[in-house]
Amino acid sequence: MLVLTQGDPAGIGPEITVKAWQTVRHSGPAFVFLGAPELLEGTAPVQVVSSIAEAEAVFPSAIPVLPLGLAAPAIPGTPDSRNAPSVIDSIAKAVALVLDGAASAVVTNPISKEVVQKTGFAHPGHTSYLAELCGVPGQDVMMLAGPSLRVVPVTVHVALRKAIDQLSTNLIMQTARTVAKGLQRDFALSAPRLAIAGLNPHAGENGLMGSEEQDIILPAITALRAEGMDITGPYPPDTLFTPRARAKYDVALCMYHDQGLIPLKTLDMAEGVNVTLGLPIIRTSPDHGTAFDIAGQGLADPSSLLAALRLAAQLSENRKKTA
């Protein structure tokens, strides 16, 4: 059974949770919601449970909830930092359930980085916090996966100027190794094909438009090929995501956040899933945020959460078979 975290109680997490349950209640995958029951009550049948086993029995008839309390009433569209401890606690307890073997994977509802950081949360988002909880800090890699494309940003939630400064041969190599292992272990790809994007226009055009390709990216590719990895590039970023190009690789490693997420969300916004590689557990998430602007209006699309639930279940099965 999957564990679905609460996310920000003022966002669209509660709404898409209800809509997702209504879709998969009979077909699965089954999940237990770890959060405040009142966020779901009134829109679907809800049953507070005390264990995963109880949740499995309840799921076809009601949303099973492992309850957490809120410090303040949740008002859709109005985030409240007083509820940040509940948001963080939901993540920590979900990870503990999977590490203990009680649940098979964690699926996280969207959180607001600004809201949790106001209370001293030291992480830029879910991913590094999950790695810390799992005892593997710094080994986490964020991958966005959809039906048309998989992308990994080598540098993630930092300003573009800082991203360029952070980029290094070692960082590219560490990321690529984690990605290749994750695709083998969780996606059942025995020989994953990695494509590397250049940083500059035309991938630098032999140094005419920047030297990072020659100085940083190519040395990483050369070293990884020597290790036996199927890795190619660096490719001009403006041609890497065409249908013809996408057919030649399993994942694209991009040098900064938007270089990868713009094509992913353009192609697969409704079904895109955020997957954390490099953890001892499976974790997926919708590829969108809290959407405070439409929270509580019945407008939220559960497609990405549904895709995250289904992918989490599939990755869990793949990992069992690999093990």
C-alpha atoms as a PDB file:
ATOM      1  CA  MET A   1       0.000   0.000   0.000  1.00  0.00           C
ATOM      2  CA  LEU A   2       1.127   3.543  -0.781  1.00  0.00           C
ATOM      3  CA  VAL A   3       1.319   6.399   1.723  1.00  0.00           C
ATOM      4  CA  LEU A   4       0.042   9.765   0.438  1.00  0.00           C
ATOM      5  CA  THR A   5       1.211  12.796   2.393  1.00  0.00           C
ATOM      6  CA  GLN A   6      -0.977  15.712   3.336  1.00  0.00           C
ATOM      7  CA  GLY A   7       0.838  18.455   1.457  1.00  0.00           C
ATOM      8  CA  ASP A   8      -0.114  22.037   2.202  1.00  0.00           C
ATOM      9  CA  PRO A   9      -3.647  21.939   3.661  1.00  0.00           C
ATOM     10  CA  ALA A  10      -4.543  25.227   1.956  1.00  0.00           C
ATOM     11  CA  GLY A  11      -3.561  23.972  -1.502  1.00  0.00           C
ATOM     12  CA  ILE A  12      -5.183  21.599  -3.953  1.00  0.00           C
ATOM     13  CA  GLY A  13      -3.793  18.472  -2.271  1.00  0.00           C
ATOM     14  CA  PRO A  14      -7.048  17.594  -0.464  1.00  0.00           C
ATOM     15  CA  GLU A  15      -9.115  18.049  -3.631  1.00  0.00           C
ATOM     16  CA  ILE A  16      -6.904  15.955  -5.887  1.00  0.00           C
ATOM     17  CA  THR A  17      -6.651  13.300  -3.150  1.00  0.00           C
ATOM     18  CA  VAL A  18     -10.440  12.896  -3.156  1.00  0.00           C
ATOM     19  CA  LYS A  19     -10.622  12.860  -6.951  1.00  0.00           C
ATOM     20  CA  ALA A  20      -7.807  10.333  -7.182  1.00  0.00           C
ATOM     21  CA  TRP A  21      -9.498   8.021  -4.651  1.00  0.00           C
ATOM     22  CA  GLN A  22     -12.766   8.234  -6.567  1.00  0.00           C
ATOM     23  CA  THR A  23     -10.888   7.051  -9.672  1.00  0.00           C
ATOM     24  CA  VAL A  24      -8.820   4.202  -8.164  1.00  0.00           C
ATOM     25  CA  ARG A  25     -10.934   3.026  -5.205  1.00  0.00           C
ATOM     26  CA  HIS A  26     -11.812  -0.240  -6.941  1.00  0.00           C
ATOM     27  CA  SER A  27      -8.903  -0.683  -9.357  1.00  0.00           C
ATOM     28  CA  GLY A  28      -6.008   0.526  -7.182  1.00  0.00           C
ATOM     29  CA  PRO A  29      -3.337   1.339  -6.404  1.00  0.00           C
ATOM     30  CA  ALA A  30      -4.555   1.697  -2.837  1.00  0.00           C
ATOM     31  CA  PHE A  31      -3.224   4.447  -0.603  1.00  0.00           C
ATOM     32  CA  VAL A  32      -3.587   5.773   2.916  1.00  0.00           C
ATOM     33  CA  PHE A  33      -3.742   9.547   3.474  1.00  0.00           C
ATOM     34  CA  LEU A  34      -1.432  10.769   6.226  1.00  0.00           C
ATOM     35  CA  GLY A  35      -2.927  14.040   7.391  1.00  0.00           C
ATOM     36  CA  ALA A  36      -5.865  15.874   8.918  1.00  0.00           C
ATOM     37  CA  PRO A  37      -9.157  14.016   8.267  1.00  0.00           C
ATOM     38  CA  GLU A  38     -11.164  17.254   8.146  1.00  0.00           C
ATOM     39  CA  LEU A  39      -9.394  18.233   4.921  1.00  0.00           C
ATOM     40  CA  LEU A  40     -11.250  15.441   3.118  1.00  0.00           C
ATOM     41  CA  GLU A  41     -14.478  15.159   5.078  1.00  0.00           C
ATOM     42  CA  GLY A  42     -17.630  16.355   3.380  1.00  0.00           C
ATOM     43  CA  THR A  43     -16.366  15.580  -0.123  1.00  0.00           C
ATOM     44  CA  ALA A  44     -15.904  11.794   0.198  1.00  0.00           C
ATOM     45  CA  PRO A  45     -16.348   9.072   2.811  1.00  0.00           C
ATOM     46  CA  VAL A  46     -13.407   9.141   5.207  1.00  0.00           C
ATOM     47  CA  GLN A  47     -12.308   6.514   7.743  1.00  0.00           C
ATOM     48  CA  VAL A  48      -9.672   7.167  10.386  1.00  0.00           C
ATOM     49  CA  VAL A  49      -7.451   4.092  10.762  1.00  0.00           C
ATOM     50  CA  SER A  50      -4.650   3.047  13.046  1.00  0.00           C
ATOM     51  CA  SER A  51      -2.642   0.767  10.754  1.00  0.00           C
ATOM     52  CA  ILE A  52      -1.774   0.015   7.147  1.00  0.00           C
ATOM     53  CA  ALA A  53      -3.602  -3.310   7.355  1.00  0.00           C
ATOM     54  CA  GLU A  54      -6.786  -1.549   8.428  1.00  0.00           C
ATOM     55  CA  ALA A  55      -6.331   0.990   5.637  1.00  0.00           C
ATOM     56  CA  GLU A  56      -6.171  -1.746   3.000  1.00  0.00           C
ATOM     57  CA  ALA A  57      -9.506  -3.166   4.121  1.00  0.00           C
ATOM     58  CA  VAL A  58     -11.162   0.258   4.177  1.00  0.00           C
ATOM     59  CA  PHE A  59      -9.900   1.627   0.863  1.00  0.00           C
ATOM     60  CA  PRO A  60     -12.684   0.499  -1.523  1.00  0.00           C
ATOM     61  CA  SER A  61     -15.373   2.116   0.614  1.00  0.00           C
ATOM     62  CA  ALA A  62     -13.660   5.164   2.165  1.00  0.00           C
ATOM     63  CA  ILE A  63     -10.431   7.136   2.107  1.00  0.00           C
ATOM     64  CA  PRO A  64      -8.331   5.672   4.934  1.00  0.00           C
ATOM     65  CA  VAL A  65      -6.618   8.359   7.007  1.00  0.00           C
ATOM     66  CA  LEU A  66      -3.768   8.054   9.479  1.00  0.00           C
ATOM     67  CA  PRO A  67      -4.653  11.243  11.358  1.00  0.00           C
ATOM     68  CA  LEU A  68      -2.518  14.270  12.043  1.00  0.00           C
ATOM     69  CA  GLY A  69      -3.637  17.484  13.683  1.00  0.00           C
ATOM     70  CA  LEU A  70      -3.552  21.024  12.336  1.00  0.00           C
ATOM     71  CA  ALA A  71      -2.530  24.025  14.438  1.00  0.00           C
ATOM     72  CA  ALA A  72      -5.012  26.286  12.653  1.00  0.00           C
ATOM     73  CA  PRO A  73      -8.109  25.708  10.504  1.00  0.00           C
ATOM     74  CA  ALA A  74      -7.190  25.250   6.852  1.00  0.00           C
ATOM     75  CA  ILE A  75      -8.652  27.860   4.517  1.00  0.00           C
ATOM     76  CA  PRO A  76      -8.323  26.902   0.831  1.00  0.00           C
ATOM     77  CA  GLY A  77      -6.122  29.391  -0.993  1.00  0.00           C
ATOM     78  CA  THR A  78      -4.841  30.997   2.228  1.00  0.00           C
ATOM     79  CA  PRO A  79      -1.595  29.319   3.333  1.00  0.00           C
ATOM     80  CA  ASP A  80      -0.822  29.469   7.044  1.00  0.00           C
ATOM     81  CA  SER A  81       2.681  28.810   8.362  1.00  0.00           C
ATOM     82  CA  ARG A  82       1.180  27.624  11.660  1.00  0.00           C
ATOM     83  CA  ASN A  83       0.329  24.403   9.822  1.00  0.00           C
ATOM     84  CA  ALA A  84       3.851  23.896   8.504  1.00  0.00           C
ATOM     85  CA  PRO A  85       4.789  21.461  11.326  1.00  0.00           C
ATOM     86  CA  SER A  86       1.902  19.210  10.288  1.00  0.00           C
ATOM     87  CA  VAL A  87       3.064  19.332   6.655  1.00  0.00           C
ATOM     88  CA  ILE A  88       6.599  18.356   7.637  1.00  0.00           C
ATOM     89  CA  ASP A  89       5.439  15.710  10.111  1.00  0.00           C
ATOM     90  CA  SER A  90       3.358  14.026   7.413  1.00  0.00           C
ATOM     91  CA  ILE A  91       6.442  13.607   5.221  1.00  0.00           C
ATOM     92  CA  ALA A  92       8.595  12.281   8.058  1.00  0.00           C
ATOM     93  CA  LYS A  93       6.002   9.738   9.203  1.00  0.00           C
ATOM     94  CA  ALA A  94       5.336   8.580   5.640  1.00  0.00           C
ATOM     95  CA  VAL A  95       9.033   7.903   5.081  1.00  0.00           C
ATOM     96  CA  ALA A  96       9.235   6.025   8.383  1.00  0.00           C
ATOM     97  CA  LEU A  97       6.347   3.760   7.346  1.00  0.00           C
ATOM     98  CA  VAL A  98       8.127   2.803   4.125  1.00  0.00           C
ATOM     99  CA  LEU A  99      11.540   2.365   5.753  1.00  0.00           C
ATOM    100  CA  ASP A 100       9.891   0.062   8.305  1.00  0.00           C
ATOM    101  CA  GLY A 101       8.348  -2.011   5.508  1.00  0.00           C
ATOM    102  CA  ALA A 102       4.748  -1.208   6.447  1.00  0.00           C
ATOM    103  CA  ALA A 103       4.086   0.593   3.157  1.00  0.00           C
ATOM    104  CA  SER A 104       5.574   0.207  -0.310  1.00  0.00           C
ATOM    105  CA  ALA A 105       6.182   3.820  -1.409  1.00  0.00           C
ATOM    106  CA  VAL A 106       5.664   7.469  -0.547  1.00  0.00           C
ATOM    107  CA  VAL A 107       3.622   9.756  -2.779  1.00  0.00           C
ATOM    108  CA  THR A 108       3.784  13.405  -1.728  1.00  0.00           C
ATOM    109  CA  ASN A 109       1.126  16.025  -2.210  1.00  0.00           C
ATOM    110  CA  PRO A 110       2.451  19.509  -3.102  1.00  0.00           C
ATOM    111  CA  ILE A 111       3.921  21.750  -0.425  1.00  0.00           C
ATOM    112  CA  SER A 112       4.786  25.437  -0.411  1.00  0.00           C
ATOM    113  CA  LYS A 113       8.503  25.954   0.072  1.00  0.00           C
ATOM    114  CA  GLU A 114       7.854  29.499   1.280  1.00  0.00           C
ATOM    115  CA  VAL A 115       5.367  28.384   3.942  1.00  0.00           C
ATOM    116  CA  VAL A 116       7.568  25.677   5.492  1.00  0.00           C
ATOM    117  CA  GLN A 117      10.754  27.736   5.276  1.00  0.00           C
ATOM    118  CA  LYS A 118       9.124  30.496   7.339  1.00  0.00           C
ATOM    119  CA  THR A 119       9.208  28.088  10.266  1.00  0.00           C
ATOM    120  CA  GLY A 120      12.901  27.249   9.901  1.00  0.00           C
ATOM    121  CA  PHE A 121      12.661  24.307   7.506  1.00  0.00           C
ATOM    122  CA  ALA A 122      16.222  24.123   6.222  1.00  0.00           C
ATOM    123  CA  HIS A 123      15.624  22.386   2.899  1.00  0.00           C
ATOM    124  CA  PRO A 124      14.820  23.907  -0.518  1.00  0.00           C
ATOM    125  CA  GLY A 125      12.010  21.384  -0.996  1.00  0.00           C
ATOM    126  CA  HIS A 126      10.926  17.796  -0.560  1.00  0.00           C
ATOM    127  CA  THR A 127      13.872  16.072  -2.188  1.00  0.00           C
ATOM    128  CA  SER A 128      16.780  16.901   0.098  1.00  0.00           C
ATOM    129  CA  TYR A 129      14.549  16.438   3.174  1.00  0.00           C
ATOM    130  CA  LEU A 130      13.625  12.952   1.984  1.00  0.00           C
ATOM    131  CA  ALA A 131      17.307  12.136   1.509  1.00  0.00           C
ATOM    132  CA  GLU A 132      18.062  13.311   5.052  1.00  0.00           C
ATOM    133  CA  LEU A 133      15.204  11.228   6.474  1.00  0.00           C
ATOM    134  CA  CYS A 134      16.521   8.203   4.582  1.00  0.00           C
ATOM    135  CA  GLY A 135      20.083   8.719   5.809  1.00  0.00           C
ATOM    136  CA  VAL A 136      21.517   9.460   2.364  1.00  0.00           C
ATOM    137  CA  PRO A 137      21.955  13.252   2.304  1.00  0.00           C
ATOM    138  CA  GLY A 138      23.366  14.560  -0.956  1.00  0.00           C
ATOM    139  CA  GLN A 139      22.639  11.360  -2.864  1.00  0.00           C
ATOM    140  CA  ASP A 140      19.175  12.387  -4.062  1.00  0.00           C
ATOM    141  CA  VAL A 141      18.411  13.226  -7.693  1.00  0.00           C
ATOM    142  CA  MET A 142      15.187  14.732  -8.986  1.00  0.00           C
ATOM    143  CA  MET A 143      13.770  13.226 -12.156  1.00  0.00           C
ATOM    144  CA  LEU A 144      10.607  14.327 -13.949  1.00  0.00           C
ATOM    145  CA  ALA A 145       8.983  11.506 -15.886  1.00  0.00           C
ATOM    146  CA  GLY A 146       6.080  11.515 -18.316  1.00  0.00           C
ATOM    147  CA  PRO A 147       4.777   9.415 -21.178  1.00  0.00           C
ATOM    148  CA  SER A 148       6.874  11.358 -23.700  1.00  0.00           C
ATOM    149  CA  LEU A 149      10.024  12.314 -21.834  1.00  0.00           C
ATOM    150  CA  ARG A 150      12.203  11.860 -18.746  1.00  0.00           C
ATOM    151  CA  VAL A 151      14.472  14.702 -17.628  1.00  0.00           C
ATOM    152  CA  VAL A 152      16.932  15.266 -14.787  1.00  0.00           C
ATOM    153  CA  PRO A 153      18.181  18.748 -13.906  1.00  0.00           C
ATOM    154  CA  VAL A 154      21.786  18.500 -12.735  1.00  0.00           C
ATOM    155  CA  THR A 155      21.377  21.748 -10.786  1.00  0.00           C
ATOM    156  CA  VAL A 156      17.940  22.277  -9.324  1.00  0.00           C
ATOM    157  CA  HIS A 157      16.330  24.965  -7.157  1.00  0.00           C
ATOM    158  CA  VAL A 158      18.895  27.740  -7.363  1.00  0.00           C
ATOM    159  CA  ALA A 159      19.107  30.986  -9.284  1.00  0.00           C
ATOM    160  CA  LEU A 160      20.404  30.577 -12.823  1.00  0.00           C
ATOM    161  CA  ARG A 161      23.613  32.479 -12.064  1.00  0.00           C
ATOM    162  CA  LYS A 162      24.305  30.120  -9.143  1.00  0.00           C
ATOM    163  CA  ALA A 163      23.384  27.074 -11.220  1.00  0.00           C
ATOM    164  CA  ILE A 164      26.147  27.863 -13.702  1.00  0.00           C
ATOM    165  CA  ASP A 165      28.606  28.311 -10.843  1.00  0.00           C
ATOM    166  CA  GLN A 166      27.540  24.998  -9.293  1.00  0.00           C
ATOM    167  CA  LEU A 167      27.945  23.008 -12.486  1.00  0.00           C
ATOM    168  CA  SER A 168      30.984  20.743 -12.408  1.00  0.00           C
ATOM    169  CA  THR A 169      32.330  17.607 -14.044  1.00  0.00           C
ATOM    170  CA  ASN A 170      32.015  15.745 -10.745  1.00  0.00           C
ATOM    171  CA  LEU A 171      28.399  16.819 -10.225  1.00  0.00           C
ATOM    172  CA  ILE A 172      27.425  15.651 -13.708  1.00  0.00           C
ATOM    173  CA  MET A 173      29.132  12.314 -13.133  1.00  0.00           C
ATOM    174  CA  GLN A 174      27.536  11.754  -9.722  1.00  0.00           C
ATOM    175  CA  THR A 175      24.105  12.623 -11.104  1.00  0.00           C
ATOM    176  CA  ALA A 176      24.491  10.382 -14.144  1.00  0.00           C
ATOM    177  CA  ARG A 177      25.549   7.407 -12.031  1.00  0.00           C
ATOM    178  CA  THR A 178      22.534   7.802  -9.740  1.00  0.00           C
ATOM    179  CA  VAL A 179      20.214   8.162 -12.721  1.00  0.00           C
ATOM    180  CA  ALA A 180      21.578   5.097 -14.506  1.00  0.00           C
ATOM    181  CA  LYS A 181      21.266   2.978 -11.361  1.00  0.00           C
ATOM    182  CA  GLY A 182      17.740   4.256 -10.733  1.00  0.00           C
ATOM    183  CA  LEU A 183      16.599   3.473 -14.258  1.00  0.00           C
ATOM    184  CA  GLN A 184      18.016  -0.038 -13.952  1.00  0.00           C
ATOM    185  CA  ARG A 185      16.635  -0.768 -10.485  1.00  0.00           C
ATOM    186  CA  ASP A 186      13.256   0.994 -10.589  1.00  0.00           C
ATOM    187  CA  PHE A 187      12.369   1.385 -14.272  1.00  0.00           C
ATOM    188  CA  ALA A 188      13.607  -2.062 -15.362  1.00  0.00           C
ATOM    189  CA  LEU A 189      15.911  -0.642 -18.047  1.00  0.00           C
ATOM    190  CA  SER A 190      18.906  -2.965 -18.205  1.00  0.00           C
ATOM    191  CA  ALA A 191      21.055  -0.604 -20.302  1.00  0.00           C
ATOM    192  CA  PRO A 192      19.680   2.937 -19.958  1.00  0.00           C
ATOM    193  CA  ARG A 193      20.610   5.504 -22.587  1.00  0.00           C
ATOM    194  CA  LEU A 194      21.516   8.932 -21.216  1.00  0.00           C
ATOM    195  CA  ALA A 195      21.632  12.090 -23.318  1.00  0.00           C
ATOM    196  CA  ILE A 196      23.448  15.161 -22.021  1.00  0.00           C
ATOM    197  CA  ALA A 197      22.308  18.670 -22.888  1.00  0.00           C
ATOM    198  CA  GLY A 198      24.798  21.427 -23.477  1.00  0.00           C
ATOM    199  CA  LEU A 199      24.650  24.556 -21.375  1.00  0.00           C
ATOM    200  CA  ASN A 200      25.096  27.189 -24.056  1.00  0.00           C
ATOM    201  CA  PRO A 201      23.331  27.898 -27.366  1.00  0.00           C
ATOM    202  CA  HIS A 202      24.354  25.319 -30.001  1.00  0.00           C
ATOM    203  CA  ALA A 203      26.122  23.439 -27.176  1.00  0.00           C
ATOM    204  CA  GLY A 204      28.807  26.130 -27.237  1.00  0.00           C
ATOM    205  CA  GLU A 205      29.648  25.621 -30.936  1.00  0.00           C
ATOM    206  CA  ASN A 206      33.223  24.529 -30.230  1.00  0.00           C
ATOM    207  CA  GLY A 207      33.839  27.326 -27.760  1.00  0.00           C
ATOM    208  CA  LEU A 208      32.429  30.192 -29.813  1.00  0.00           C
ATOM    209  CA  MET A 209      29.434  30.585 -27.468  1.00  0.00           C
ATOM    210  CA  GLY A 210      30.915  29.352 -24.225  1.00  0.00           C
ATOM    211  CA  SER A 211      33.523  26.905 -22.983  1.00  0.00           C
ATOM    212  CA  GLU A 212      31.537  24.913 -20.409  1.00  0.00           C
ATOM    213  CA  GLU A 213      30.850  22.098 -22.854  1.00  0.00           C
ATOM    214  CA  GLN A 214      34.550  21.565 -23.501  1.00  0.00           C
ATOM    215  CA  ASP A 215      35.785  22.293 -19.987  1.00  0.00           C
ATOM    216  CA  ILE A 216      33.083  20.666 -17.807  1.00  0.00           C
ATOM    217  CA  ILE A 217      30.558  18.552 -19.721  1.00  0.00           C
ATOM    218  CA  LEU A 218      32.680  16.613 -22.229  1.00  0.00           C
ATOM    219  CA  PRO A 219      35.170  15.396 -19.593  1.00  0.00           C
ATOM    220  CA  ALA A 220      32.239  13.956 -17.628  1.00  0.00           C
ATOM    221  CA  ILE A 221      30.860  12.184 -20.697  1.00  0.00           C
ATOM    222  CA  THR A 222      34.274  10.777 -21.587  1.00  0.00           C
ATOM    223  CA  ALA A 223      34.863   9.430 -18.085  1.00  0.00           C
ATOM    224  CA  LEU A 224      31.381   7.894 -17.845  1.00  0.00           C
ATOM    225  CA  ARG A 225      31.771   6.188 -21.204  1.00  0.00           C
ATOM    226  CA  ALA A 226      34.988   4.666 -19.907  1.00  0.00           C
ATOM    227  CA  GLU A 227      32.935   3.204 -17.048  1.00  0.00           C
ATOM    228  CA  GLY A 228      30.687   1.512 -19.611  1.00  0.00           C
ATOM    229  CA  MET A 229      27.754   3.904 -19.506  1.00  0.00           C
ATOM    230  CA  ASP A 230      25.668   4.498 -22.647  1.00  0.00           C
ATOM    231  CA  ILE A 231      25.878   8.279 -22.607  1.00  0.00           C
ATOM    232  CA  THR A 232      25.995  10.792 -25.456  1.00  0.00           C
ATOM    233  CA  GLY A 233      26.228  14.544 -25.947  1.00  0.00           C
ATOM    234  CA  PRO A 234      26.482  17.344 -25.267  1.00  0.00           C
ATOM    235  CA  TYR A 235      23.575  18.166 -27.564  1.00  0.00           C
ATOM    236  CA  PRO A 236      22.259  21.612 -28.476  1.00  0.00           C
ATOM    237  CA  PRO A 237      19.402  22.132 -26.021  1.00  0.00           C
ATOM    238  CA  ASP A 238      17.064  23.513 -28.685  1.00  0.00           C
ATOM    239  CA  THR A 239      17.063  20.248 -30.656  1.00  0.00           C
ATOM    240  CA  LEU A 240      17.316  17.689 -27.845  1.00  0.00           C
ATOM    241  CA  PHE A 241      13.576  17.393 -27.263  1.00  0.00           C
ATOM    242  CA  THR A 242      12.225  16.880 -30.775  1.00  0.00           C
ATOM    243  CA  PRO A 243      10.347  13.585 -31.366  1.00  0.00           C
ATOM    244  CA  ARG A 244      13.223  12.208 -33.439  1.00  0.00           C
ATOM    245  CA  ALA A 245      15.789  13.076 -30.772  1.00  0.00           C
ATOM    246  CA  ARG A 246      13.693  11.698 -27.887  1.00  0.00           C
ATOM    247  CA  ALA A 247      13.523   8.287 -29.562  1.00  0.00           C
ATOM    248  CA  LYS A 248      17.277   7.896 -29.099  1.00  0.00           C
ATOM    249  CA  TYR A 249      17.518   8.179 -25.309  1.00  0.00           C
ATOM    250  CA  ASP A 250      15.763   7.119 -22.094  1.00  0.00           C
ATOM    251  CA  VAL A 251      16.519  10.249 -20.084  1.00  0.00           C
ATOM    252  CA  ALA A 252      17.940  13.697 -20.761  1.00  0.00           C
ATOM    253  CA  LEU A 253      20.303  15.252 -18.228  1.00  0.00           C
ATOM    254  CA  CYS A 254      19.893  19.009 -18.288  1.00  0.00           C
ATOM    255  CA  MET A 255      22.239  21.569 -16.860  1.00  0.00           C
ATOM    256  CA  TYR A 256      19.667  23.692 -15.022  1.00  0.00           C
ATOM    257  CA  HIS A 257      16.074  23.470 -13.820  1.00  0.00           C
ATOM    258  CA  ASP A 258      14.077  25.129 -16.584  1.00  0.00           C
ATOM    259  CA  GLN A 259      16.122  23.590 -19.380  1.00  0.00           C
ATOM    260  CA  GLY A 260      14.523  20.264 -18.524  1.00  0.00           C
ATOM    261  CA  LEU A 261      11.221  21.175 -16.920  1.00  0.00           C
ATOM    262  CA  ILE A 262       9.959  23.447 -19.695  1.00  0.00           C
ATOM    263  CA  PRO A 263       9.920  20.662 -22.327  1.00  0.00           C
ATOM    264  CA  LEU A 264       8.661  18.087 -19.810  1.00  0.00           C
ATOM    265  CA  LYS A 265       5.733  20.212 -18.712  1.00  0.00           C
ATOM    266  CA  THR A 266       4.989  21.307 -22.272  1.00  0.00           C
ATOM    267  CA  LEU A 267       4.743  17.690 -23.397  1.00  0.00           C
ATOM    268  CA  ASP A 268       3.442  15.932 -20.286  1.00  0.00           C
ATOM    269  CA  MET A 269       2.070  18.474 -17.803  1.00  0.00           C
ATOM    270  CA  ALA A 270      -1.084  16.480 -17.048  1.00  0.00           C
ATOM    271  CA  GLU A 271       0.753  13.189 -16.547  1.00  0.00           C
ATOM    272  CA  GLY A 272       4.194  14.317 -15.414  1.00  0.00           C
ATOM    273  CA  VAL A 273       5.571  12.809 -12.217  1.00  0.00           C
ATOM    274  CA  ASN A 274       8.403  13.921  -9.956  1.00  0.00           C
ATOM    275  CA  VAL A 275      10.514  10.882  -8.988  1.00  0.00           C
ATOM    276  CA  THR A 276      13.330  10.992  -6.435  1.00  0.00           C
ATOM    277  CA  LEU A 277      16.214   8.722  -7.401  1.00  0.00           C
ATOM    278  CA  GLY A 278      19.033   7.688  -5.091  1.00  0.00           C
ATOM    279  CA  LEU A 279      16.846   6.838  -2.077  1.00  0.00           C
ATOM    280  CA  PRO A 280      16.347   3.466  -0.379  1.00  0.00           C
ATOM    281  CA  ILE A 281      12.596   4.046  -0.827  1.00  0.00           C
ATOM    282  CA  ILE A 282      10.302   4.838  -3.744  1.00  0.00           C
ATOM    283  CA  ARG A 283       9.008   8.401  -3.801  1.00  0.00           C
ATOM    284  CA  THR A 284       6.874  10.091  -6.435  1.00  0.00           C
ATOM    285  CA  SER A 285       4.889  13.318  -6.557  1.00  0.00           C
ATOM    286  CA  PRO A 286       2.736  15.324  -8.953  1.00  0.00           C
ATOM    287  CA  ASP A 287       4.838  17.653 -11.092  1.00  0.00           C
ATOM    288  CA  HIS A 288       2.822  20.736 -10.101  1.00  0.00           C
ATOM    289  CA  GLY A 289       2.584  22.939  -7.038  1.00  0.00           C
ATOM    290  CA  THR A 290      -0.016  23.865  -4.455  1.00  0.00           C
ATOM    291  CA  ALA A 291      -2.089  26.026  -6.858  1.00  0.00           C
ATOM    292  CA  PHE A 292      -3.412  28.252  -4.077  1.00  0.00           C
ATOM    293  CA  ASP A 293      -5.149  30.369  -6.712  1.00  0.00           C
ATOM    294  CA  ILE A 294      -7.674  27.624  -7.530  1.00  0.00           C
ATOM    295  CA  ALA A 295      -7.765  25.743  -4.202  1.00  0.00           C
ATOM    296  CA  GLY A 296     -11.239  25.003  -2.943  1.00  0.00           C
ATOM    297  CA  GLN A 297     -12.940  25.813  -6.242  1.00  0.00           C
ATOM    298  CA  GLY A 298     -13.321  22.282  -7.597  1.00  0.00           C
ATOM    299  CA  LEU A 299     -11.059  23.053 -10.560  1.00  0.00           C
ATOM    300  CA  ALA A 300      -7.979  20.987  -9.716  1.00  0.00           C
ATOM    301  CA  ASP A 301      -6.969  18.266 -12.173  1.00  0.00           C
ATOM    302  CA  PRO A 302      -5.921  15.023 -10.417  1.00  0.00           C
ATOM    303  CA  SER A 303      -4.175  13.570 -13.497  1.00  0.00           C
ATOM    304  CA  SER A 304      -0.634  14.146 -12.273  1.00  0.00           C
ATOM    305  CA  LEU A 305      -1.408  12.704  -8.826  1.00  0.00           C
ATOM    306  CA  LEU A 306      -3.017   9.668 -10.457  1.00  0.00           C
ATOM    307  CA  ALA A 307       0.095   9.228 -12.589  1.00  0.00           C
ATOM    308  CA  ALA A 308       2.279   9.563  -9.472  1.00  0.00           C
ATOM    309  CA  LEU A 309       0.275   6.913  -7.607  1.00  0.00           C
ATOM    310  CA  ARG A 310       0.367   4.482 -10.520  1.00  0.00           C
ATOM    311  CA  LEU A 311       4.063   5.039 -11.164  1.00  0.00           C
ATOM    312  CA  ALA A 312       4.905   4.571  -7.479  1.00  0.00           C
ATOM    313  CA  ALA A 313       3.137   1.223  -7.493  1.00  0.00           C
ATOM    314  CA  GLN A 314       4.927   0.151 -10.679  1.00  0.00           C
ATOM    315  CA  LEU A 315       8.357   1.242  -9.456  1.00  0.00           C
ATOM    316  CA  SER A 316       7.805  -0.607  -6.209  1.00  0.00           C
ATOM    317  CA  GLU A 317       7.045  -3.806  -8.114  1.00  0.00           C
ATOM    318  CA  ASN A 318      10.069  -3.282 -10.373  1.00  0.00           C
ATOM    319  CA  ARG A 319      12.361  -2.797  -7.390  1.00  0.00           C
ATOM    320  CA  LYS A 320      11.081  -5.993  -5.763  1.00  0.00           C
ATOM    321  CA  LYS A 321      11.794  -7.928  -8.938  1.00  0.00           C
ATOM    322  CA  THR A 322      15.247  -6.407  -9.278  1.00  0.00           C
ATOM    323  CA  ALA A 323      16.059  -7.221  -5.665  1.00  0.00           C
END
